[in-house]
């Protein structure tokens, strides 16, 4: 109960952040289930890998995080591979 007491004593902003994170988590879960039903297993796996790569790319652009050359090469390989896979489906 200590966690709940901490949230309640923090004010309505903290409560709204927790409620919003619950809604976002539910939306992500629903989107994943819908995507799994619409795509093949391989396509779903490619989408999952591309989303991680895009998250890394955005963290570099937005937050200016530094990454090693090998990680950037790996990121490029993932993005190009995903694009090539997408072209094969068209």
PDB file of N, CA and C in Angstrom:
ATOM      1  N   UNK A   1       0.809  -1.194   0.000  1.00  0.00           N
ATOM      2  CA  UNK A   1       0.000   0.000   0.000  1.00  0.00           C
ATOM      3  C   UNK A   1       0.855   1.262   0.000  1.00  0.00           C
ATOM      4  N   UNK A   2       2.122   1.119   0.290  1.00  0.00           N
ATOM      5  CA  UNK A   2       2.990   2.290   0.330  1.00  0.00           C
ATOM      6  C   UNK A   2       3.041   2.987  -1.026  1.00  0.00           C
ATOM      7  N   UNK A   3       3.045   2.189  -2.123  1.00  0.00           N
ATOM      8  CA  UNK A   3       3.085   2.760  -3.463  1.00  0.00           C
ATOM      9  C   UNK A   3       1.824   3.592  -3.721  1.00  0.00           C
ATOM     10  N   UNK A   4       0.669   3.034  -3.382  1.00  0.00           N
ATOM     11  CA  UNK A   4      -0.594   3.735  -3.597  1.00  0.00           C
ATOM     12  C   UNK A   4      -0.637   5.010  -2.757  1.00  0.00           C
ATOM     13  N   UNK A   5      -0.181   4.927  -1.520  1.00  0.00           N
ATOM     14  CA  UNK A   5      -0.157   6.124  -0.668  1.00  0.00           C
ATOM     15  C   UNK A   5       0.745   7.200  -1.260  1.00  0.00           C
ATOM     16  N   UNK A   6       1.868   6.789  -1.817  1.00  0.00           N
ATOM     17  CA  UNK A   6       2.793   7.738  -2.434  1.00  0.00           C
ATOM     18  C   UNK A   6       2.143   8.421  -3.631  1.00  0.00           C
ATOM     19  N   UNK A   7       1.460   7.638  -4.465  1.00  0.00           N
ATOM     20  CA  UNK A   7       0.783   8.200  -5.639  1.00  0.00           C
ATOM     21  C   UNK A   7      -0.298   9.191  -5.213  1.00  0.00           C
ATOM     22  N   UNK A   8      -1.130   8.793  -4.256  1.00  0.00           N
ATOM     23  CA  UNK A   8      -2.234   9.649  -3.822  1.00  0.00           C
ATOM     24  C   UNK A   8      -1.715  10.930  -3.187  1.00  0.00           C
ATOM     25  N   UNK A   9      -0.652  10.829  -2.402  1.00  0.00           N
ATOM     26  CA  UNK A   9      -0.129  12.024  -1.744  1.00  0.00           C
ATOM     27  C   UNK A   9       0.629  12.933  -2.715  1.00  0.00           C
ATOM     28  N   UNK A  10       0.980  12.412  -3.909  1.00  0.00           N
ATOM     29  CA  UNK A  10       1.714  13.217  -4.887  1.00  0.00           C
ATOM     30  C   UNK A  10       0.827  14.201  -5.618  1.00  0.00           C
ATOM     31  N   UNK A  11      -0.463  14.011  -5.590  1.00  0.00           N
ATOM     32  CA  UNK A  11      -1.371  14.942  -6.245  1.00  0.00           C
ATOM     33  C   UNK A  11      -2.008  14.357  -7.476  1.00  0.00           C
ATOM     34  N   UNK A  12      -2.891  15.139  -8.069  1.00  0.00           N
ATOM     35  CA  UNK A  12      -3.656  14.666  -9.207  1.00  0.00           C
ATOM     36  C   UNK A  12      -2.804  14.460 -10.448  1.00  0.00           C
ATOM     37  N   UNK A  13      -1.674  15.183 -10.565  1.00  0.00           N
ATOM     38  CA  UNK A  13      -0.809  14.997 -11.744  1.00  0.00           C
ATOM     39  C   UNK A  13      -0.254  13.582 -11.788  1.00  0.00           C
ATOM     40  N   UNK A  14       0.174  13.085 -10.629  1.00  0.00           N
ATOM     41  CA  UNK A  14       0.730  11.732 -10.571  1.00  0.00           C
ATOM     42  C   UNK A  14      -0.345  10.697 -10.877  1.00  0.00           C
ATOM     43  N   UNK A  15      -1.543  10.933 -10.368  1.00  0.00           N
ATOM     44  CA  UNK A  15      -2.638  10.005 -10.637  1.00  0.00           C
ATOM     45  C   UNK A  15      -2.969   9.994 -12.127  1.00  0.00           C
ATOM     46  N   UNK A  16      -2.968  11.150 -12.756  1.00  0.00           N
ATOM     47  CA  UNK A  16      -3.257  11.229 -14.190  1.00  0.00           C
ATOM     48  C   UNK A  16      -2.187  10.517 -15.017  1.00  0.00           C
ATOM     49  N   UNK A  17      -0.934  10.608 -14.594  1.00  0.00           N
ATOM     50  CA  UNK A  17       0.141   9.917 -15.312  1.00  0.00           C
ATOM     51  C   UNK A  17      -0.063   8.413 -15.224  1.00  0.00           C
ATOM     52  N   UNK A  18      -0.427   7.914 -14.060  1.00  0.00           N
ATOM     53  CA  UNK A  18      -0.660   6.475 -13.898  1.00  0.00           C
ATOM     54  C   UNK A  18      -1.861   6.033 -14.728  1.00  0.00           C
ATOM     55  N   UNK A  19      -2.948   6.786 -14.689  1.00  0.00           N
ATOM     56  CA  UNK A  19      -4.144   6.438 -15.466  1.00  0.00           C
ATOM     57  C   UNK A  19      -3.837   6.488 -16.964  1.00  0.00           C
ATOM     58  N   UNK A  20      -3.129   7.515 -17.398  1.00  0.00           N
ATOM     59  CA  UNK A  20      -2.767   7.627 -18.810  1.00  0.00           C
ATOM     60  C   UNK A  20      -1.877   6.468 -19.249  1.00  0.00           C
ATOM     61  N   UNK A  21      -0.932   6.080 -18.415  1.00  0.00           N
ATOM     62  CA  UNK A  21      -0.060   4.960 -18.777  1.00  0.00           C
ATOM     63  C   UNK A  21      -0.850   3.657 -18.869  1.00  0.00           C
ATOM     64  N   UNK A  22      -1.888   3.505 -18.042  1.00  0.00           N
ATOM     65  CA  UNK A  22      -2.756   2.324 -18.144  1.00  0.00           C
ATOM     66  C   UNK A  22      -3.492   2.306 -19.476  1.00  0.00           C
ATOM     67  N   UNK A  23      -4.032   3.447 -19.884  1.00  0.00           N
ATOM     68  CA  UNK A  23      -4.729   3.524 -21.166  1.00  0.00           C
ATOM     69  C   UNK A  23      -3.788   3.276 -22.337  1.00  0.00           C
ATOM     70  N   UNK A  24      -2.607   3.834 -22.287  1.00  0.00           N
ATOM     71  CA  UNK A  24      -1.635   3.636 -23.368  1.00  0.00           C
ATOM     72  C   UNK A  24      -1.211   2.167 -23.441  1.00  0.00           C
ATOM     73  N   UNK A  25      -0.980   1.552 -22.289  1.00  0.00           N
ATOM     74  CA  UNK A  25      -0.618   0.136 -22.266  1.00  0.00           C
ATOM     75  C   UNK A  25      -1.706  -0.742 -22.851  1.00  0.00           C
ATOM     76  N   UNK A  26      -2.949  -0.431 -22.523  1.00  0.00           N
ATOM     77  CA  UNK A  26      -4.075  -1.184 -23.073  1.00  0.00           C
ATOM     78  C   UNK A  26      -4.167  -0.983 -24.588  1.00  0.00           C
ATOM     79  N   UNK A  27      -3.959   0.236 -25.050  1.00  0.00           N
ATOM     80  CA  UNK A  27      -4.010   0.519 -26.492  1.00  0.00           C
ATOM     81  C   UNK A  27      -2.896  -0.218 -27.235  1.00  0.00           C
ATOM     82  N   UNK A  28      -1.708  -0.251 -26.658  1.00  0.00           N
ATOM     83  CA  UNK A  28      -0.592  -0.969 -27.293  1.00  0.00           C
ATOM     84  C   UNK A  28      -0.885  -2.464 -27.362  1.00  0.00           C
ATOM     85  N   UNK A  29      -1.445  -3.007 -26.299  1.00  0.00           N
ATOM     86  CA  UNK A  29      -1.802  -4.424 -26.274  1.00  0.00           C
ATOM     87  C   UNK A  29      -2.857  -4.744 -27.328  1.00  0.00           C
ATOM     88  N   UNK A  30      -3.855  -3.883 -27.448  1.00  0.00           N
ATOM     89  CA  UNK A  30      -4.901  -4.083 -28.452  1.00  0.00           C
ATOM     90  C   UNK A  30      -4.322  -3.996 -29.871  1.00  0.00           C
ATOM     91  N   UNK A  31      -3.445  -3.023 -30.090  1.00  0.00           N
ATOM     92  CA  UNK A  31      -2.816  -2.872 -31.411  1.00  0.00           C
ATOM     93  C   UNK A  31      -1.974  -4.100 -31.760  1.00  0.00           C
ATOM     94  N   UNK A  32      -1.259  -4.631 -30.786  1.00  0.00           N
ATOM     95  CA  UNK A  32      -0.449  -5.822 -31.028  1.00  0.00           C
ATOM     96  C   UNK A  32      -1.293  -7.029 -31.369  1.00  0.00           C
ATOM     97  N   UNK A  33      -2.409  -7.198 -30.667  1.00  0.00           N
ATOM     98  CA  UNK A  33      -3.312  -8.315 -30.945  1.00  0.00           C
ATOM     99  C   UNK A  33      -3.935  -8.179 -32.331  1.00  0.00           C
ATOM    100  N   UNK A  34      -4.364  -6.979 -32.673  1.00  0.00           N
ATOM    101  CA  UNK A  34      -4.951  -6.738 -33.987  1.00  0.00           C
ATOM    102  C   UNK A  34      -3.921  -6.979 -35.093  1.00  0.00           C
ATOM    103  N   UNK A  35      -2.699  -6.528 -34.860  1.00  0.00           N
ATOM    104  CA  UNK A  35      -1.627  -6.715 -35.845  1.00  0.00           C
ATOM    105  C   UNK A  35      -1.311  -8.196 -36.013  1.00  0.00           C
ATOM    106  N   UNK A  36      -1.296  -8.940 -34.916  1.00  0.00           N
ATOM    107  CA  UNK A  36      -1.010 -10.371 -34.972  1.00  0.00           C
ATOM    108  C   UNK A  36      -2.070 -11.114 -35.771  1.00  0.00           C
ATOM    109  N   UNK A  37      -3.313 -10.678 -35.657  1.00  0.00           N
ATOM    110  CA  UNK A  37      -4.392 -11.322 -36.404  1.00  0.00           C
ATOM    111  C   UNK A  37      -4.326 -10.988 -37.897  1.00  0.00           C
ATOM    112  N   UNK A  38      -3.832  -9.803 -38.237  1.00  0.00           N
ATOM    113  CA  UNK A  38      -3.842  -9.352 -39.632  1.00  0.00           C
ATOM    114  C   UNK A  38      -2.612  -9.803 -40.423  1.00  0.00           C
ATOM    115  N   UNK A  39      -1.507 -10.119 -39.746  1.00  0.00           N
ATOM    116  CA  UNK A  39      -0.254 -10.414 -40.431  1.00  0.00           C
ATOM    117  C   UNK A  39       0.165 -11.861 -40.229  1.00  0.00           C
ATOM    118  N   UNK A  40       1.034 -12.314 -41.114  1.00  0.00           N
ATOM    119  CA  UNK A  40       1.645 -13.627 -40.905  1.00  0.00           C
ATOM    120  C   UNK A  40       2.667 -13.523 -39.780  1.00  0.00           C
ATOM    121  N   UNK A  41       3.130 -14.666 -39.302  1.00  0.00           N
ATOM    122  CA  UNK A  41       4.095 -14.673 -38.202  1.00  0.00           C
ATOM    123  C   UNK A  41       5.386 -13.960 -38.593  1.00  0.00           C
ATOM    124  N   UNK A  42       5.834 -14.173 -39.822  1.00  0.00           N
ATOM    125  CA  UNK A  42       7.074 -13.538 -40.273  1.00  0.00           C
ATOM    126  C   UNK A  42       6.904 -12.026 -40.381  1.00  0.00           C
ATOM    127  N   UNK A  43       5.796 -11.600 -40.953  1.00  0.00           N
ATOM    128  CA  UNK A  43       5.547 -10.158 -41.086  1.00  0.00           C
ATOM    129  C   UNK A  43       5.442  -9.498 -39.717  1.00  0.00           C
ATOM    130  N   UNK A  44       4.777 -10.159 -38.774  1.00  0.00           N
ATOM    131  CA  UNK A  44       4.654  -9.612 -37.428  1.00  0.00           C
ATOM    132  C   UNK A  44       6.026  -9.476 -36.777  1.00  0.00           C
ATOM    133  N   UNK A  45       6.900 -10.451 -36.986  1.00  0.00           N
ATOM    134  CA  UNK A  45       8.255 -10.400 -36.436  1.00  0.00           C
ATOM    135  C   UNK A  45       9.051  -9.255 -37.063  1.00  0.00           C
ATOM    136  N   UNK A  46       8.908  -9.056 -38.364  1.00  0.00           N
ATOM    137  CA  UNK A  46       9.599  -7.953 -39.045  1.00  0.00           C
ATOM    138  C   UNK A  46       9.108  -6.614 -38.512  1.00  0.00           C
ATOM    139  N   UNK A  47       7.802  -6.474 -38.331  1.00  0.00           N
ATOM    140  CA  UNK A  47       7.242  -5.233 -37.781  1.00  0.00           C
ATOM    141  C   UNK A  47       7.801  -4.970 -36.387  1.00  0.00           C
ATOM    142  N   UNK A  48       7.891  -6.009 -35.563  1.00  0.00           N
ATOM    143  CA  UNK A  48       8.444  -5.851 -34.218  1.00  0.00           C
ATOM    144  C   UNK A  48       9.892  -5.402 -34.233  1.00  0.00           C
ATOM    145  N   UNK A  49      10.686  -5.997 -35.112  1.00  0.00           N
ATOM    146  CA  UNK A  49      12.095  -5.607 -35.202  1.00  0.00           C
ATOM    147  C   UNK A  49      12.253  -4.199 -35.753  1.00  0.00           C
ATOM    148  N   UNK A  50      11.444  -3.841 -36.733  1.00  0.00           N
ATOM    149  CA  UNK A  50      11.529  -2.492 -37.289  1.00  0.00           C
ATOM    150  C   UNK A  50      11.105  -1.441 -36.270  1.00  0.00           C
ATOM    151  N   UNK A  51      10.125  -1.769 -35.434  1.00  0.00           N
ATOM    152  CA  UNK A  51       9.696  -0.784 -34.439  1.00  0.00           C
ATOM    153  C   UNK A  51      10.802  -0.507 -33.425  1.00  0.00           C
ATOM    154  N   UNK A  52      11.560  -1.529 -33.073  1.00  0.00           N
ATOM    155  CA  UNK A  52      12.695  -1.318 -32.162  1.00  0.00           C
ATOM    156  C   UNK A  52      13.772  -0.475 -32.837  1.00  0.00           C
ATOM    157  N   UNK A  53      14.034  -0.765 -34.105  1.00  0.00           N
ATOM    158  CA  UNK A  53      15.039   0.002 -34.834  1.00  0.00           C
ATOM    159  C   UNK A  53      14.621   1.459 -34.984  1.00  0.00           C
ATOM    160  N   UNK A  54      13.344   1.679 -35.248  1.00  0.00           N
ATOM    161  CA  UNK A  54      12.858   3.052 -35.382  1.00  0.00           C
ATOM    162  C   UNK A  54      12.936   3.779 -34.045  1.00  0.00           C
ATOM    163  N   UNK A  55      12.668   3.076 -32.950  1.00  0.00           N
ATOM    164  CA  UNK A  55      12.795   3.688 -31.620  1.00  0.00           C
ATOM    165  C   UNK A  55      14.239   4.126 -31.355  1.00  0.00           C
ATOM    166  N   UNK A  56      15.190   3.291 -31.724  1.00  0.00           N
ATOM    167  CA  UNK A  56      16.604   3.639 -31.545  1.00  0.00           C
ATOM    168  C   UNK A  56      16.955   4.846 -32.403  1.00  0.00           C
ATOM    169  N   UNK A  57      16.496   4.836 -33.650  1.00  0.00           N
ATOM    170  CA  UNK A  57      16.771   5.943 -34.572  1.00  0.00           C
ATOM    171  C   UNK A  57      16.198   7.250 -34.028  1.00  0.00           C
ATOM    172  N   UNK A  58      14.961   7.204 -33.522  1.00  0.00           N
ATOM    173  CA  UNK A  58      14.341   8.408 -32.968  1.00  0.00           C
ATOM    174  C   UNK A  58      15.056   8.878 -31.701  1.00  0.00           C
ATOM    175  N   UNK A  59      15.553   7.948 -30.895  1.00  0.00           N
ATOM    176  CA  UNK A  59      16.277   8.365 -29.688  1.00  0.00           C
ATOM    177  C   UNK A  59      17.568   9.090 -30.049  1.00  0.00           C
ATOM    178  N   UNK A  60      18.174   8.689 -31.152  1.00  0.00           N
ATOM    179  CA  UNK A  60      19.372   9.383 -31.614  1.00  0.00           C
ATOM    180  C   UNK A  60      19.013  10.794 -32.067  1.00  0.00           C
ATOM    181  N   UNK A  61      17.922  10.914 -32.854  1.00  0.00           N
ATOM    182  CA  UNK A  61      17.526  12.224 -33.374  1.00  0.00           C
ATOM    183  C   UNK A  61      17.001  13.159 -32.287  1.00  0.00           C
ATOM    184  N   UNK A  62      16.130  12.647 -31.435  1.00  0.00           N
ATOM    185  CA  UNK A  62      15.459  13.503 -30.455  1.00  0.00           C
ATOM    186  C   UNK A  62      16.346  13.808 -29.253  1.00  0.00           C
ATOM    187  N   UNK A  63      16.956  12.766 -28.691  1.00  0.00           N
ATOM    188  CA  UNK A  63      17.699  12.942 -27.447  1.00  0.00           C
ATOM    189  C   UNK A  63      19.194  13.092 -27.644  1.00  0.00           C
ATOM    190  N   UNK A  64      19.665  12.898 -28.864  1.00  0.00           N
ATOM    191  CA  UNK A  64      21.083  13.055 -29.140  1.00  0.00           C
ATOM    192  C   UNK A  64      21.958  11.998 -28.483  1.00  0.00           C
ATOM    193  N   UNK A  65      21.382  10.816 -28.247  1.00  0.00           N
ATOM    194  CA  UNK A  65      22.171   9.755 -27.633  1.00  0.00           C
ATOM    195  C   UNK A  65      23.245   9.290 -28.601  1.00  0.00           C
ATOM    196  N   UNK A  66      24.405   9.018 -28.055  1.00  0.00           N
ATOM    197  CA  UNK A  66      25.513   8.558 -28.880  1.00  0.00           C
ATOM    198  C   UNK A  66      25.528   7.037 -28.909  1.00  0.00           C
ATOM    199  N   UNK A  67      25.786   6.489 -30.083  1.00  0.00           N
ATOM    200  CA  UNK A  67      25.867   5.041 -30.259  1.00  0.00           C
ATOM    201  C   UNK A  67      27.142   4.727 -31.019  1.00  0.00           C
ATOM    202  N   UNK A  68      27.629   3.507 -30.851  1.00  0.00           N
ATOM    203  CA  UNK A  68      28.858   3.100 -31.524  1.00  0.00           C
ATOM    204  C   UNK A  68      28.599   2.907 -33.020  1.00  0.00           C
ATOM    205  N   UNK A  69      29.671   2.879 -33.765  1.00  0.00           N
ATOM    206  CA  UNK A  69      29.566   2.685 -35.209  1.00  0.00           C
ATOM    207  C   UNK A  69      28.941   1.338 -35.528  1.00  0.00           C
ATOM    208  N   UNK A  70      29.310   0.310 -34.776  1.00  0.00           N
ATOM    209  CA  UNK A  70      28.758  -1.021 -35.050  1.00  0.00           C
ATOM    210  C   UNK A  70      27.253  -1.063 -34.792  1.00  0.00           C
ATOM    211  N   UNK A  71      26.772  -0.346 -33.786  1.00  0.00           N
ATOM    212  CA  UNK A  71      25.325  -0.339 -33.536  1.00  0.00           C
ATOM    213  C   UNK A  71      24.589   0.432 -34.632  1.00  0.00           C
ATOM    214  N   UNK A  72      25.190   1.478 -35.154  1.00  0.00           N
ATOM    215  CA  UNK A  72      24.572   2.221 -36.256  1.00  0.00           C
ATOM    216  C   UNK A  72      24.556   1.393 -37.542  1.00  0.00           C
ATOM    217  N   UNK A  73      25.613   0.616 -37.773  1.00  0.00           N
ATOM    218  CA  UNK A  73      25.631  -0.273 -38.934  1.00  0.00           C
ATOM    219  C   UNK A  73      24.542  -1.326 -38.782  1.00  0.00           C
ATOM    220  N   UNK A  74      24.400  -1.880 -37.584  1.00  0.00           N
ATOM    221  CA  UNK A  74      23.346  -2.858 -37.330  1.00  0.00           C
ATOM    222  C   UNK A  74      21.965  -2.264 -37.532  1.00  0.00           C
ATOM    223  N   UNK A  75      21.769  -1.039 -37.058  1.00  0.00           N
ATOM    224  CA  UNK A  75      20.499  -0.347 -37.243  1.00  0.00           C
ATOM    225  C   UNK A  75      20.200  -0.166 -38.730  1.00  0.00           C
ATOM    226  N   UNK A  76      21.209   0.212 -39.497  1.00  0.00           N
ATOM    227  CA  UNK A  76      21.032   0.386 -40.943  1.00  0.00           C
ATOM    228  C   UNK A  76      20.665  -0.930 -41.621  1.00  0.00           C
ATOM    229  N   UNK A  77      21.306  -2.013 -41.200  1.00  0.00           N
ATOM    230  CA  UNK A  77      21.006  -3.326 -41.775  1.00  0.00           C
ATOM    231  C   UNK A  77      19.555  -3.708 -41.504  1.00  0.00           C
ATOM    232  N   UNK A  78      19.083  -3.467 -40.280  1.00  0.00           N
ATOM    233  CA  UNK A  78      17.699  -3.792 -39.921  1.00  0.00           C
ATOM    234  C   UNK A  78      16.722  -2.978 -40.764  1.00  0.00           C
ATOM    235  N   UNK A  79      16.971  -1.677 -40.902  1.00  0.00           N
ATOM    236  CA  UNK A  79      16.064  -0.830 -41.675  1.00  0.00           C
ATOM    237  C   UNK A  79      16.038  -1.219 -43.151  1.00  0.00           C
ATOM    238  N   UNK A  80      17.200  -1.488 -43.732  1.00  0.00           N
ATOM    239  CA  UNK A  80      17.260  -1.888 -45.142  1.00  0.00           C
ATOM    240  C   UNK A  80      16.611  -3.255 -45.336  1.00  0.00           C
ATOM    241  N   UNK A  81      16.852  -4.174 -44.419  1.00  0.00           N
ATOM    242  CA  UNK A  81      16.250  -5.513 -44.525  1.00  0.00           C
ATOM    243  C   UNK A  81      14.738  -5.438 -44.445  1.00  0.00           C
ATOM    244  N   UNK A  82      14.221  -4.613 -43.542  1.00  0.00           N
ATOM    245  CA  UNK A  82      12.779  -4.447 -43.430  1.00  0.00           C
ATOM    246  C   UNK A  82      12.185  -3.849 -44.693  1.00  0.00           C
ATOM    247  N   UNK A  83      12.884  -2.891 -45.263  1.00  0.00           N
ATOM    248  CA  UNK A  83      12.409  -2.277 -46.504  1.00  0.00           C
ATOM    249  C   UNK A  83      12.409  -3.292 -47.651  1.00  0.00           C
ATOM    250  N   UNK A  84      13.452  -4.090 -47.735  1.00  0.00           N
ATOM    251  CA  UNK A  84      13.524  -5.111 -48.786  1.00  0.00           C
ATOM    252  C   UNK A  84      12.430  -6.158 -48.609  1.00  0.00           C
ATOM    253  N   UNK A  85      12.174  -6.539 -47.369  1.00  0.00           N
ATOM    254  CA  UNK A  85      11.089  -7.492 -47.104  1.00  0.00           C
ATOM    255  C   UNK A  85       9.757  -6.900 -47.534  1.00  0.00           C
ATOM    256  N   UNK A  86       9.553  -5.629 -47.245  1.00  0.00           N
ATOM    257  CA  UNK A  86       8.319  -4.965 -47.657  1.00  0.00           C
ATOM    258  C   UNK A  86       8.169  -4.921 -49.172  1.00  0.00           C
ATOM    259  N   UNK A  87       9.277  -4.709 -49.877  1.00  0.00           N
ATOM    260  CA  UNK A  87       9.221  -4.679 -51.340  1.00  0.00           C
ATOM    261  C   UNK A  87       8.891  -6.051 -51.916  1.00  0.00           C
ATOM    262  N   UNK A  88       9.351  -7.106 -51.262  1.00  0.00           N
ATOM    263  CA  UNK A  88       9.065  -8.461 -51.728  1.00  0.00           C
ATOM    264  C   UNK A  88       7.582  -8.787 -51.605  1.00  0.00           C
ATOM    265  N   UNK A  89       6.900  -8.164 -50.646  1.00  0.00           N
ATOM    266  CA  UNK A  89       5.467  -8.438 -50.444  1.00  0.00           C
ATOM    267  C   UNK A  89       4.589  -7.711 -51.443  1.00  0.00           C
ATOM    268  N   UNK A  90       5.126  -6.650 -52.043  1.00  0.00           N
ATOM    269  CA  UNK A  90       4.316  -5.827 -52.955  1.00  0.00           C
ATOM    270  C   UNK A  90       4.206  -6.462 -54.304  1.00  0.00           C
TER     271      UNK A  90
END
